[in-house]
Every structure is written in structure tokens, then in C-alpha cells.
């Protein structure tokens, strides 16, 4: 099985798909005390990390999900998308998330 065969389960660890038995344990860290709400950013047409995986990751972590409509990979801090860059900067600097979470487009 390769990571591409596992669309929708969520991005975790490439080693999870190796033939050797896992040593990290599943599920990974959960219910961490004091962990601020996290932000997952996922592009609907990302050829490397499918959007379904981003959705599942956000659900698994209890995270906010910023859906970016469009094609591509790595959209944060490229300077090409003010919508994404503003949300990411506010989160990284102040742990601030917009309510409700908007959708951005590339």
C-alpha cells in the first residue's frame, strides 16, 4: 500500500505504509492538555496531499480547516494568496482563527 492508496484516512506518517511493523503506535497523540486549536490548510486540487486527507486530519485533530479551492500544493506564505496568508499569519502569530472559517481560492 502506498500513501496515495489511503486517500481520506488523513496525513499521518509515511512510515505507516512501510511493510515493517509500526513502532509509533496508533492512534497518535490525542487529548493533549493545553494544546491550542490547530489550523489545517488543504487545497481541493492538491495532487500530493488530497483534500479528503486534509479534511480527515482536521477531524482527527479537532482542528479548524481552511479549504482553499483550486489546484496546487503549498499555498501558505507564497505571497500569491492574501486570503490564505492573512489567516495563516494571524494563527501563527496570535493563535487567532476567523469565525466562521472562510474559503479561499487560488
PDB file of N, CA and C in Angstrom:
ATOM      1  N   UNK A   1       0.848  -1.176   0.000  1.00  0.00           N
ATOM      2  CA  UNK A   1       0.000   0.000   0.000  1.00  0.00           C
ATOM      3  C   UNK A   1       0.889   1.233   0.000  1.00  0.00           C
ATOM      4  N   UNK A   2       0.546   2.236  -0.762  1.00  0.00           N
ATOM      5  CA  UNK A   2       1.286   3.490  -0.783  1.00  0.00           C
ATOM      6  C   UNK A   2       0.406   4.589  -0.218  1.00  0.00           C
ATOM      7  N   UNK A   3       0.984   5.758   0.161  1.00  0.00           N
ATOM      8  CA  UNK A   3       0.174   6.835   0.714  1.00  0.00           C
ATOM      9  C   UNK A   3      -0.977   7.231  -0.204  1.00  0.00           C
ATOM     10  N   UNK A   4      -0.800   7.175  -1.514  1.00  0.00           N
ATOM     11  CA  UNK A   4      -1.862   7.535  -2.438  1.00  0.00           C
ATOM     12  C   UNK A   4      -3.035   6.576  -2.395  1.00  0.00           C
ATOM     13  N   UNK A   5      -2.801   5.341  -1.939  1.00  0.00           N
ATOM     14  CA  UNK A   5      -3.865   4.356  -1.827  1.00  0.00           C
ATOM     15  C   UNK A   5      -4.746   4.598  -0.609  1.00  0.00           C
ATOM     16  N   UNK A   6      -4.329   5.496   0.252  1.00  0.00           N
ATOM     17  CA  UNK A   6      -5.001   5.688   1.523  1.00  0.00           C
ATOM     18  C   UNK A   6      -5.747   7.021   1.573  1.00  0.00           C
ATOM     19  N   UNK A   7      -6.242   7.494   0.461  1.00  0.00           N
ATOM     20  CA  UNK A   7      -6.927   8.777   0.389  1.00  0.00           C
ATOM     21  C   UNK A   7      -8.085   8.788   1.376  1.00  0.00           C
ATOM     22  N   UNK A   8      -8.142   9.863   2.165  1.00  0.00           N
ATOM     23  CA  UNK A   8      -9.260  10.030   3.080  1.00  0.00           C
ATOM     24  C   UNK A   8      -8.993   9.606   4.507  1.00  0.00           C
ATOM     25  N   UNK A   9      -7.967   8.829   4.762  1.00  0.00           N
ATOM     26  CA  UNK A   9      -7.683   8.432   6.150  1.00  0.00           C
ATOM     27  C   UNK A   9      -7.008   9.555   6.904  1.00  0.00           C
ATOM     28  N   UNK A  10      -6.295  10.407   6.213  1.00  0.00           N
ATOM     29  CA  UNK A  10      -5.607  11.505   6.870  1.00  0.00           C
ATOM     30  C   UNK A  10      -4.111  11.368   6.741  1.00  0.00           C
ATOM     31  N   UNK A  11      -3.445  12.501   6.673  1.00  0.00           N
ATOM     32  CA  UNK A  11      -1.996  12.517   6.580  1.00  0.00           C
ATOM     33  C   UNK A  11      -1.428  12.244   7.967  1.00  0.00           C
ATOM     34  N   UNK A  12      -0.605  11.229   8.085  1.00  0.00           N
ATOM     35  CA  UNK A  12      -0.030  10.910   9.388  1.00  0.00           C
ATOM     36  C   UNK A  12       1.474  10.761   9.288  1.00  0.00           C
ATOM     37  N   UNK A  13       1.919   9.664   8.738  1.00  0.00           N
ATOM     38  CA  UNK A  13       3.336   9.367   8.723  1.00  0.00           C
ATOM     39  C   UNK A  13       3.595   8.420   7.563  1.00  0.00           C
ATOM     40  N   UNK A  14       4.505   8.790   6.680  1.00  0.00           N
ATOM     41  CA  UNK A  14       4.829   7.942   5.544  1.00  0.00           C
ATOM     42  C   UNK A  14       5.266   6.555   5.958  1.00  0.00           C
ATOM     43  N   UNK A  15       5.870   6.436   7.119  1.00  0.00           N
ATOM     44  CA  UNK A  15       6.326   5.131   7.614  1.00  0.00           C
ATOM     45  C   UNK A  15       5.163   4.207   7.922  1.00  0.00           C
ATOM     46  N   UNK A  16       3.979   4.780   8.104  1.00  0.00           N
ATOM     47  CA  UNK A  16       2.807   3.986   8.402  1.00  0.00           C
ATOM     48  C   UNK A  16       2.514   2.974   7.287  1.00  0.00           C
ATOM     49  N   UNK A  17       3.004   3.255   6.080  1.00  0.00           N
ATOM     50  CA  UNK A  17       2.705   2.416   4.927  1.00  0.00           C
ATOM     51  C   UNK A  17       3.842   1.448   4.590  1.00  0.00           C
ATOM     52  N   UNK A  18       4.914   1.435   5.370  1.00  0.00           N
ATOM     53  CA  UNK A  18       6.008   0.512   5.113  1.00  0.00           C
ATOM     54  C   UNK A  18       5.595  -0.902   5.518  1.00  0.00           C
ATOM     55  N   UNK A  19       6.316  -1.871   5.001  1.00  0.00           N
ATOM     56  CA  UNK A  19       5.976  -3.263   5.322  1.00  0.00           C
ATOM     57  C   UNK A  19       6.418  -3.666   6.735  1.00  0.00           C
ATOM     58  N   UNK A  20       7.342  -2.937   7.340  1.00  0.00           N
ATOM     59  CA  UNK A  20       7.782  -3.250   8.706  1.00  0.00           C
ATOM     60  C   UNK A  20       6.687  -2.847   9.696  1.00  0.00           C
ATOM     61  N   UNK A  21       6.572  -3.549  10.814  1.00  0.00           N
ATOM     62  CA  UNK A  21       5.558  -3.204  11.811  1.00  0.00           C
ATOM     63  C   UNK A  21       5.794  -1.800  12.378  1.00  0.00           C
ATOM     64  N   UNK A  22       4.732  -1.057  12.668  1.00  0.00           N
ATOM     65  CA  UNK A  22       4.881   0.294  13.215  1.00  0.00           C
ATOM     66  C   UNK A  22       5.410   0.260  14.642  1.00  0.00           C
ATOM     67  N   UNK A  23       6.132   1.306  15.012  1.00  0.00           N
ATOM     68  CA  UNK A  23       6.645   1.411  16.377  1.00  0.00           C
ATOM     69  C   UNK A  23       6.097   2.635  17.097  1.00  0.00           C
ATOM     70  N   UNK A  24       5.383   3.509  16.379  1.00  0.00           N
ATOM     71  CA  UNK A  24       4.886   4.733  16.999  1.00  0.00           C
ATOM     72  C   UNK A  24       3.560   4.527  17.727  1.00  0.00           C
ATOM     73  N   UNK A  25       2.832   3.528  17.355  1.00  0.00           N
ATOM     74  CA  UNK A  25       1.533   3.295  17.971  1.00  0.00           C
ATOM     75  C   UNK A  25       0.447   4.135  17.314  1.00  0.00           C
ATOM     76  N   UNK A  26      -0.724   3.552  17.204  1.00  0.00           N
ATOM     77  CA  UNK A  26      -1.874   4.256  16.648  1.00  0.00           C
ATOM     78  C   UNK A  26      -3.002   4.056  17.638  1.00  0.00           C
ATOM     79  N   UNK A  27      -3.755   5.020  18.038  1.00  0.00           N
ATOM     80  CA  UNK A  27      -3.694   6.359  17.456  1.00  0.00           C
ATOM     81  C   UNK A  27      -2.514   7.148  17.999  1.00  0.00           C
ATOM     82  N   UNK A  28      -2.100   8.137  17.220  1.00  0.00           N
ATOM     83  CA  UNK A  28      -1.044   9.032  17.656  1.00  0.00           C
ATOM     84  C   UNK A  28      -1.558   9.884  18.809  1.00  0.00           C
ATOM     85  N   UNK A  29      -0.728  10.754  19.319  1.00  0.00           N
ATOM     86  CA  UNK A  29      -1.079  11.576  20.483  1.00  0.00           C
ATOM     87  C   UNK A  29      -2.478  12.170  20.336  1.00  0.00           C
ATOM     88  N   UNK A  30      -3.276  12.002  21.349  1.00  0.00           N
ATOM     89  CA  UNK A  30      -4.631  12.531  21.361  1.00  0.00           C
ATOM     90  C   UNK A  30      -4.918  13.146  22.714  1.00  0.00           C
ATOM     91  N   UNK A  31      -5.887  14.046  22.748  1.00  0.00           N
ATOM     92  CA  UNK A  31      -6.332  14.669  24.000  1.00  0.00           C
ATOM     93  C   UNK A  31      -5.178  15.278  24.782  1.00  0.00           C
ATOM     94  N   UNK A  32      -4.335  16.038  24.103  1.00  0.00           N
ATOM     95  CA  UNK A  32      -3.185  16.669  24.741  1.00  0.00           C
ATOM     96  C   UNK A  32      -3.672  17.892  25.510  1.00  0.00           C
ATOM     97  N   UNK A  33      -3.422  17.925  26.803  1.00  0.00           N
ATOM     98  CA  UNK A  33      -3.849  19.023  27.652  1.00  0.00           C
ATOM     99  C   UNK A  33      -3.132  20.311  27.269  1.00  0.00           C
ATOM    100  N   UNK A  34      -3.889  21.404  27.131  1.00  0.00           N
ATOM    101  CA  UNK A  34      -3.306  22.711  26.863  1.00  0.00           C
ATOM    102  C   UNK A  34      -2.963  22.978  25.410  1.00  0.00           C
ATOM    103  N   UNK A  35      -3.211  22.029  24.527  1.00  0.00           N
ATOM    104  CA  UNK A  35      -2.908  22.228  23.117  1.00  0.00           C
ATOM    105  C   UNK A  35      -3.911  23.201  22.523  1.00  0.00           C
ATOM    106  N   UNK A  36      -3.443  24.317  21.932  1.00  0.00           N
ATOM    107  CA  UNK A  36      -4.400  25.241  21.313  1.00  0.00           C
ATOM    108  C   UNK A  36      -5.028  24.606  20.079  1.00  0.00           C
ATOM    109  N   UNK A  37      -6.185  25.117  19.690  1.00  0.00           N
ATOM    110  CA  UNK A  37      -6.831  24.631  18.476  1.00  0.00           C
ATOM    111  C   UNK A  37      -5.867  24.822  17.320  1.00  0.00           C
ATOM    112  N   UNK A  38      -5.720  23.803  16.498  1.00  0.00           N
ATOM    113  CA  UNK A  38      -4.781  23.861  15.382  1.00  0.00           C
ATOM    114  C   UNK A  38      -5.504  24.252  14.098  1.00  0.00           C
ATOM    115  N   UNK A  39      -4.715  24.593  13.084  1.00  0.00           N
ATOM    116  CA  UNK A  39      -5.231  25.000  11.789  1.00  0.00           C
ATOM    117  C   UNK A  39      -4.678  24.071  10.722  1.00  0.00           C
ATOM    118  N   UNK A  40      -5.568  23.456   9.969  1.00  0.00           N
ATOM    119  CA  UNK A  40      -5.192  22.631   8.824  1.00  0.00           C
ATOM    120  C   UNK A  40      -5.606  23.409   7.579  1.00  0.00           C
ATOM    121  N   UNK A  41      -4.689  23.528   6.615  1.00  0.00           N
ATOM    122  CA  UNK A  41      -4.973  24.202   5.349  1.00  0.00           C
ATOM    123  C   UNK A  41      -4.872  23.165   4.247  1.00  0.00           C
ATOM    124  N   UNK A  42      -5.933  23.035   3.452  1.00  0.00           N
ATOM    125  CA  UNK A  42      -5.978  21.998   2.430  1.00  0.00           C
ATOM    126  C   UNK A  42      -6.534  22.561   1.121  1.00  0.00           C
ATOM    127  N   UNK A  43      -5.838  22.278   0.020  1.00  0.00           N
ATOM    128  CA  UNK A  43      -6.265  22.720  -1.310  1.00  0.00           C
ATOM    129  C   UNK A  43      -7.086  21.604  -1.951  1.00  0.00           C
ATOM    130  N   UNK A  44      -8.233  21.958  -2.523  1.00  0.00           N
ATOM    131  CA  UNK A  44      -9.128  20.950  -3.084  1.00  0.00           C
ATOM    132  C   UNK A  44      -8.485  20.163  -4.219  1.00  0.00           C
ATOM    133  N   UNK A  45      -7.595  20.766  -4.982  1.00  0.00           N
ATOM    134  CA  UNK A  45      -6.962  20.087  -6.109  1.00  0.00           C
ATOM    135  C   UNK A  45      -5.484  19.854  -5.887  1.00  0.00           C
ATOM    136  N   UNK A  46      -5.091  19.478  -4.675  1.00  0.00           N
ATOM    137  CA  UNK A  46      -3.685  19.227  -4.366  1.00  0.00           C
ATOM    138  C   UNK A  46      -3.314  17.828  -4.853  1.00  0.00           C
ATOM    139  N   UNK A  47      -2.356  17.724  -5.795  1.00  0.00           N
ATOM    140  CA  UNK A  47      -2.003  16.418  -6.330  1.00  0.00           C
ATOM    141  C   UNK A  47      -1.168  15.564  -5.375  1.00  0.00           C
ATOM    142  N   UNK A  48      -0.584  16.170  -4.361  1.00  0.00           N
ATOM    143  CA  UNK A  48       0.299  15.456  -3.441  1.00  0.00           C
ATOM    144  C   UNK A  48      -0.416  15.023  -2.167  1.00  0.00           C
ATOM    145  N   UNK A  49      -1.202  15.914  -1.591  1.00  0.00           N
ATOM    146  CA  UNK A  49      -1.943  15.601  -0.372  1.00  0.00           C
ATOM    147  C   UNK A  49      -3.420  15.865  -0.641  1.00  0.00           C
ATOM    148  N   UNK A  50      -4.171  14.829  -0.980  1.00  0.00           N
ATOM    149  CA  UNK A  50      -5.572  15.003  -1.351  1.00  0.00           C
ATOM    150  C   UNK A  50      -6.397  15.719  -0.279  1.00  0.00           C
ATOM    151  N   UNK A  51      -7.335  16.520  -0.737  1.00  0.00           N
ATOM    152  CA  UNK A  51      -8.182  17.300   0.163  1.00  0.00           C
ATOM    153  C   UNK A  51      -8.924  16.410   1.168  1.00  0.00           C
ATOM    154  N   UNK A  52      -9.344  15.233   0.747  1.00  0.00           N
ATOM    155  CA  UNK A  52     -10.037  14.317   1.664  1.00  0.00           C
ATOM    156  C   UNK A  52      -9.145  13.986   2.865  1.00  0.00           C
ATOM    157  N   UNK A  53      -7.843  13.886   2.639  1.00  0.00           N
ATOM    158  CA  UNK A  53      -6.909  13.643   3.738  1.00  0.00           C
ATOM    159  C   UNK A  53      -6.825  14.831   4.678  1.00  0.00           C
ATOM    160  N   UNK A  54      -6.853  16.052   4.123  1.00  0.00           N
ATOM    161  CA  UNK A  54      -6.846  17.258   4.951  1.00  0.00           C
ATOM    162  C   UNK A  54      -8.094  17.362   5.812  1.00  0.00           C
ATOM    163  N   UNK A  55      -9.231  17.019   5.224  1.00  0.00           N
ATOM    164  CA  UNK A  55     -10.495  17.029   5.958  1.00  0.00           C
ATOM    165  C   UNK A  55     -10.431  16.025   7.104  1.00  0.00           C
ATOM    166  N   UNK A  56      -9.953  14.824   6.816  1.00  0.00           N
ATOM    167  CA  UNK A  56      -9.851  13.775   7.840  1.00  0.00           C
ATOM    168  C   UNK A  56      -8.860  14.164   8.937  1.00  0.00           C
ATOM    169  N   UNK A  57      -7.730  14.765   8.544  1.00  0.00           N
ATOM    170  CA  UNK A  57      -6.750  15.211   9.529  1.00  0.00           C
ATOM    171  C   UNK A  57      -7.369  16.238  10.471  1.00  0.00           C
ATOM    172  N   UNK A  58      -8.087  17.218   9.916  1.00  0.00           N
ATOM    173  CA  UNK A  58      -8.735  18.235  10.746  1.00  0.00           C
ATOM    174  C   UNK A  58      -9.747  17.604  11.698  1.00  0.00           C
ATOM    175  N   UNK A  59     -10.519  16.644  11.203  1.00  0.00           N
ATOM    176  CA  UNK A  59     -11.483  15.943  12.056  1.00  0.00           C
ATOM    177  C   UNK A  59     -10.771  15.187  13.172  1.00  0.00           C
ATOM    178  N   UNK A  60      -9.703  14.483  12.826  1.00  0.00           N
ATOM    179  CA  UNK A  60      -8.958  13.683  13.803  1.00  0.00           C
ATOM    180  C   UNK A  60      -8.369  14.554  14.902  1.00  0.00           C
ATOM    181  N   UNK A  61      -7.837  15.720  14.513  1.00  0.00           N
ATOM    182  CA  UNK A  61      -7.205  16.622  15.476  1.00  0.00           C
ATOM    183  C   UNK A  61      -8.197  17.546  16.179  1.00  0.00           C
ATOM    184  N   UNK A  62      -9.427  17.606  15.680  1.00  0.00           N
ATOM    185  CA  UNK A  62     -10.375  18.587  16.208  1.00  0.00           C
ATOM    186  C   UNK A  62      -9.952  19.988  15.808  1.00  0.00           C
ATOM    187  N   UNK A  63      -9.383  20.119  14.619  1.00  0.00           N
ATOM    188  CA  UNK A  63      -8.804  21.368  14.131  1.00  0.00           C
ATOM    189  C   UNK A  63      -9.785  22.198  13.336  1.00  0.00           C
ATOM    190  N   UNK A  64      -9.428  23.464  13.163  1.00  0.00           N
ATOM    191  CA  UNK A  64     -10.094  24.310  12.188  1.00  0.00           C
ATOM    192  C   UNK A  64      -9.554  23.911  10.818  1.00  0.00           C
ATOM    193  N   UNK A  65     -10.395  23.954   9.800  1.00  0.00           N
ATOM    194  CA  UNK A  65      -9.990  23.606   8.443  1.00  0.00           C
ATOM    195  C   UNK A  65     -10.201  24.797   7.532  1.00  0.00           C
ATOM    196  N   UNK A  66      -9.131  25.238   6.888  1.00  0.00           N
ATOM    197  CA  UNK A  66      -9.224  26.254   5.850  1.00  0.00           C
ATOM    198  C   UNK A  66      -9.171  25.534   4.516  1.00  0.00           C
ATOM    199  N   UNK A  67     -10.289  25.526   3.799  1.00  0.00           N
ATOM    200  CA  UNK A  67     -10.345  24.908   2.480  1.00  0.00           C
ATOM    201  C   UNK A  67      -9.991  25.956   1.438  1.00  0.00           C
ATOM    202  N   UNK A  68      -9.028  25.620   0.596  1.00  0.00           N
ATOM    203  CA  UNK A  68      -8.607  26.507  -0.482  1.00  0.00           C
ATOM    204  C   UNK A  68      -9.048  25.859  -1.788  1.00  0.00           C
ATOM    205  N   UNK A  69      -9.929  26.517  -2.509  1.00  0.00           N
ATOM    206  CA  UNK A  69     -10.423  25.977  -3.781  1.00  0.00           C
ATOM    207  C   UNK A  69      -9.424  26.282  -4.876  1.00  0.00           C
ATOM    208  N   UNK A  70      -8.997  25.235  -5.582  1.00  0.00           N
ATOM    209  CA  UNK A  70      -8.063  25.424  -6.680  1.00  0.00           C
ATOM    210  C   UNK A  70      -7.117  24.255  -6.830  1.00  0.00           C
ATOM    211  N   UNK A  71      -6.098  24.469  -7.633  1.00  0.00           N
ATOM    212  CA  UNK A  71      -5.097  23.448  -7.930  1.00  0.00           C
ATOM    213  C   UNK A  71      -3.756  23.898  -7.373  1.00  0.00           C
ATOM    214  N   UNK A  72      -2.957  22.946  -6.903  1.00  0.00           N
ATOM    215  CA  UNK A  72      -1.611  23.274  -6.460  1.00  0.00           C
ATOM    216  C   UNK A  72      -1.269  22.622  -5.141  1.00  0.00           C
ATOM    217  N   UNK A  73      -0.044  22.891  -4.706  1.00  0.00           N
ATOM    218  CA  UNK A  73       0.486  22.344  -3.460  1.00  0.00           C
ATOM    219  C   UNK A  73       1.300  23.452  -2.804  1.00  0.00           C
ATOM    220  N   UNK A  74       1.229  23.583  -1.524  1.00  0.00           N
ATOM    221  CA  UNK A  74       1.897  24.626  -0.735  1.00  0.00           C
ATOM    222  C   UNK A  74       1.405  26.017  -1.130  1.00  0.00           C
ATOM    223  N   UNK A  75       0.450  26.497  -0.389  1.00  0.00           N
ATOM    224  CA  UNK A  75      -0.169  27.784  -0.692  1.00  0.00           C
ATOM    225  C   UNK A  75       0.125  28.834   0.376  1.00  0.00           C
ATOM    226  N   UNK A  76       0.677  28.438   1.512  1.00  0.00           N
ATOM    227  CA  UNK A  76       0.903  29.372   2.613  1.00  0.00           C
ATOM    228  C   UNK A  76       2.201  30.144   2.421  1.00  0.00           C
ATOM    229  N   UNK A  77       2.143  31.434   2.653  1.00  0.00           N
ATOM    230  CA  UNK A  77       3.297  32.338   2.668  1.00  0.00           C
ATOM    231  C   UNK A  77       4.015  32.460   1.340  1.00  0.00           C
ATOM    232  N   UNK A  78       3.353  32.136   0.261  1.00  0.00           N
ATOM    233  CA  UNK A  78       3.955  32.334  -1.054  1.00  0.00           C
ATOM    234  C   UNK A  78       3.765  33.744  -1.557  1.00  0.00           C
ATOM    235  N   UNK A  79       2.908  34.517  -0.874  1.00  0.00           N
ATOM    236  CA  UNK A  79       2.648  35.882  -1.270  1.00  0.00           C
ATOM    237  C   UNK A  79       1.645  35.993  -2.402  1.00  0.00           C
ATOM    238  N   UNK A  80       1.209  34.858  -2.932  1.00  0.00           N
ATOM    239  CA  UNK A  80       0.284  34.883  -4.063  1.00  0.00           C
ATOM    240  C   UNK A  80      -1.169  34.855  -3.615  1.00  0.00           C
ATOM    241  N   UNK A  81      -1.435  34.587  -2.342  1.00  0.00           N
ATOM    242  CA  UNK A  81      -2.804  34.466  -1.888  1.00  0.00           C
ATOM    243  C   UNK A  81      -2.988  35.198  -0.565  1.00  0.00           C
ATOM    244  N   UNK A  82      -3.502  36.421  -0.629  1.00  0.00           N
ATOM    245  CA  UNK A  82      -3.665  37.254   0.562  1.00  0.00           C
ATOM    246  C   UNK A  82      -4.646  36.632   1.552  1.00  0.00           C
ATOM    247  N   UNK A  83      -5.675  35.956   1.056  1.00  0.00           N
ATOM    248  CA  UNK A  83      -6.672  35.309   1.923  1.00  0.00           C
ATOM    249  C   UNK A  83      -5.993  34.270   2.822  1.00  0.00           C
ATOM    250  N   UNK A  84      -5.234  33.369   2.227  1.00  0.00           N
ATOM    251  CA  UNK A  84      -4.559  32.309   2.974  1.00  0.00           C
ATOM    252  C   UNK A  84      -3.478  32.892   3.873  1.00  0.00           C
ATOM    253  N   UNK A  85      -2.661  33.795   3.330  1.00  0.00           N
ATOM    254  CA  UNK A  85      -1.551  34.354   4.105  1.00  0.00           C
ATOM    255  C   UNK A  85      -2.035  35.092   5.349  1.00  0.00           C
ATOM    256  N   UNK A  86      -3.152  35.816   5.265  1.00  0.00           N
ATOM    257  CA  UNK A  86      -3.686  36.554   6.416  1.00  0.00           C
ATOM    258  C   UNK A  86      -4.144  35.588   7.507  1.00  0.00           C
ATOM    259  N   UNK A  87      -4.884  34.558   7.117  1.00  0.00           N
ATOM    260  CA  UNK A  87      -5.379  33.580   8.100  1.00  0.00           C
ATOM    261  C   UNK A  87      -4.206  32.840   8.743  1.00  0.00           C
ATOM    262  N   UNK A  88      -3.239  32.419   7.931  1.00  0.00           N
ATOM    263  CA  UNK A  88      -2.071  31.704   8.457  1.00  0.00           C
ATOM    264  C   UNK A  88      -1.249  32.594   9.385  1.00  0.00           C
ATOM    265  N   UNK A  89      -1.020  33.843   9.007  1.00  0.00           N
ATOM    266  CA  UNK A  89      -0.231  34.760   9.844  1.00  0.00           C
ATOM    267  C   UNK A  89      -0.945  35.033  11.163  1.00  0.00           C
ATOM    268  N   UNK A  90      -2.251  35.291  11.119  1.00  0.00           N
ATOM    269  CA  UNK A  90      -2.996  35.531  12.355  1.00  0.00           C
ATOM    270  C   UNK A  90      -2.918  34.322  13.281  1.00  0.00           C
ATOM    271  N   UNK A  91      -2.972  33.124  12.701  1.00  0.00           N
ATOM    272  CA  UNK A  91      -2.885  31.918  13.520  1.00  0.00           C
ATOM    273  C   UNK A  91      -1.469  31.740  14.087  1.00  0.00           C
ATOM    274  N   UNK A  92      -0.465  31.862  13.235  1.00  0.00           N
ATOM    275  CA  UNK A  92       0.911  31.621  13.682  1.00  0.00           C
ATOM    276  C   UNK A  92       1.397  32.658  14.682  1.00  0.00           C
ATOM    277  N   UNK A  93       0.938  33.888  14.551  1.00  0.00           N
ATOM    278  CA  UNK A  93       1.397  34.964  15.444  1.00  0.00           C
ATOM    279  C   UNK A  93       0.572  35.021  16.720  1.00  0.00           C
ATOM    280  N   UNK A  94      -0.764  34.949  16.589  1.00  0.00           N
ATOM    281  CA  UNK A  94      -1.644  35.168  17.738  1.00  0.00           C
ATOM    282  C   UNK A  94      -2.555  33.995  18.081  1.00  0.00           C
ATOM    283  N   UNK A  95      -2.425  32.864  17.387  1.00  0.00           N
ATOM    284  CA  UNK A  95      -3.329  31.713  17.555  1.00  0.00           C
ATOM    285  C   UNK A  95      -4.781  32.126  17.352  1.00  0.00           C
ATOM    286  N   UNK A  96      -4.993  33.102  16.465  1.00  0.00           N
ATOM    287  CA  UNK A  96      -6.328  33.630  16.177  1.00  0.00           C
ATOM    288  C   UNK A  96      -6.872  32.977  14.915  1.00  0.00           C
ATOM    289  N   UNK A  97      -8.114  32.483  15.004  1.00  0.00           N
ATOM    290  CA  UNK A  97      -8.797  31.883  13.864  1.00  0.00           C
ATOM    291  C   UNK A  97     -10.067  32.675  13.571  1.00  0.00           C
ATOM    292  N   UNK A  98     -10.396  32.889  12.296  1.00  0.00           N
ATOM    293  CA  UNK A  98     -11.619  33.618  11.969  1.00  0.00           C
ATOM    294  C   UNK A  98     -12.865  32.787  12.276  1.00  0.00           C
ATOM    295  N   UNK A  99     -13.930  33.465  12.635  1.00  0.00           N
ATOM    296  CA  UNK A  99     -15.224  32.808  12.879  1.00  0.00           C
ATOM    297  C   UNK A  99     -16.243  33.450  11.975  1.00  0.00           C
ATOM    298  N   UNK A 100     -16.907  32.772  11.132  1.00  0.00           N
ATOM    299  CA  UNK A 100     -16.650  31.402  10.724  1.00  0.00           C
ATOM    300  C   UNK A 100     -15.444  31.329   9.784  1.00  0.00           C
ATOM    301  N   UNK A 101     -14.911  30.144   9.597  1.00  0.00           N
ATOM    302  CA  UNK A 101     -13.757  29.960   8.732  1.00  0.00           C
ATOM    303  C   UNK A 101     -14.194  30.171   7.272  1.00  0.00           C
ATOM    304  N   UNK A 102     -13.550  31.112   6.572  1.00  0.00           N
ATOM    305  CA  UNK A 102     -13.919  31.331   5.168  1.00  0.00           C
ATOM    306  C   UNK A 102     -13.290  30.267   4.260  1.00  0.00           C
ATOM    307  N   UNK A 103     -13.649  30.304   3.000  1.00  0.00           N
ATOM    308  CA  UNK A 103     -12.952  29.517   1.986  1.00  0.00           C
ATOM    309  C   UNK A 103     -12.151  30.501   1.159  1.00  0.00           C
ATOM    310  N   UNK A 104     -10.953  30.132   0.787  1.00  0.00           N
ATOM    311  CA  UNK A 104     -10.112  30.936  -0.088  1.00  0.00           C
ATOM    312  C   UNK A 104     -10.021  30.237  -1.438  1.00  0.00           C
ATOM    313  N   UNK A 105      -9.580  30.941  -2.450  1.00  0.00           N
ATOM    314  CA  UNK A 105      -9.386  30.354  -3.777  1.00  0.00           C
ATOM    315  C   UNK A 105      -8.014  30.733  -4.306  1.00  0.00           C
ATOM    316  N   UNK A 106      -7.438  29.833  -5.115  1.00  0.00           N
ATOM    317  CA  UNK A 106      -6.162  30.141  -5.776  1.00  0.00           C
ATOM    318  C   UNK A 106      -6.413  30.324  -7.249  1.00  0.00           C
TER     319      UNK A 106
END
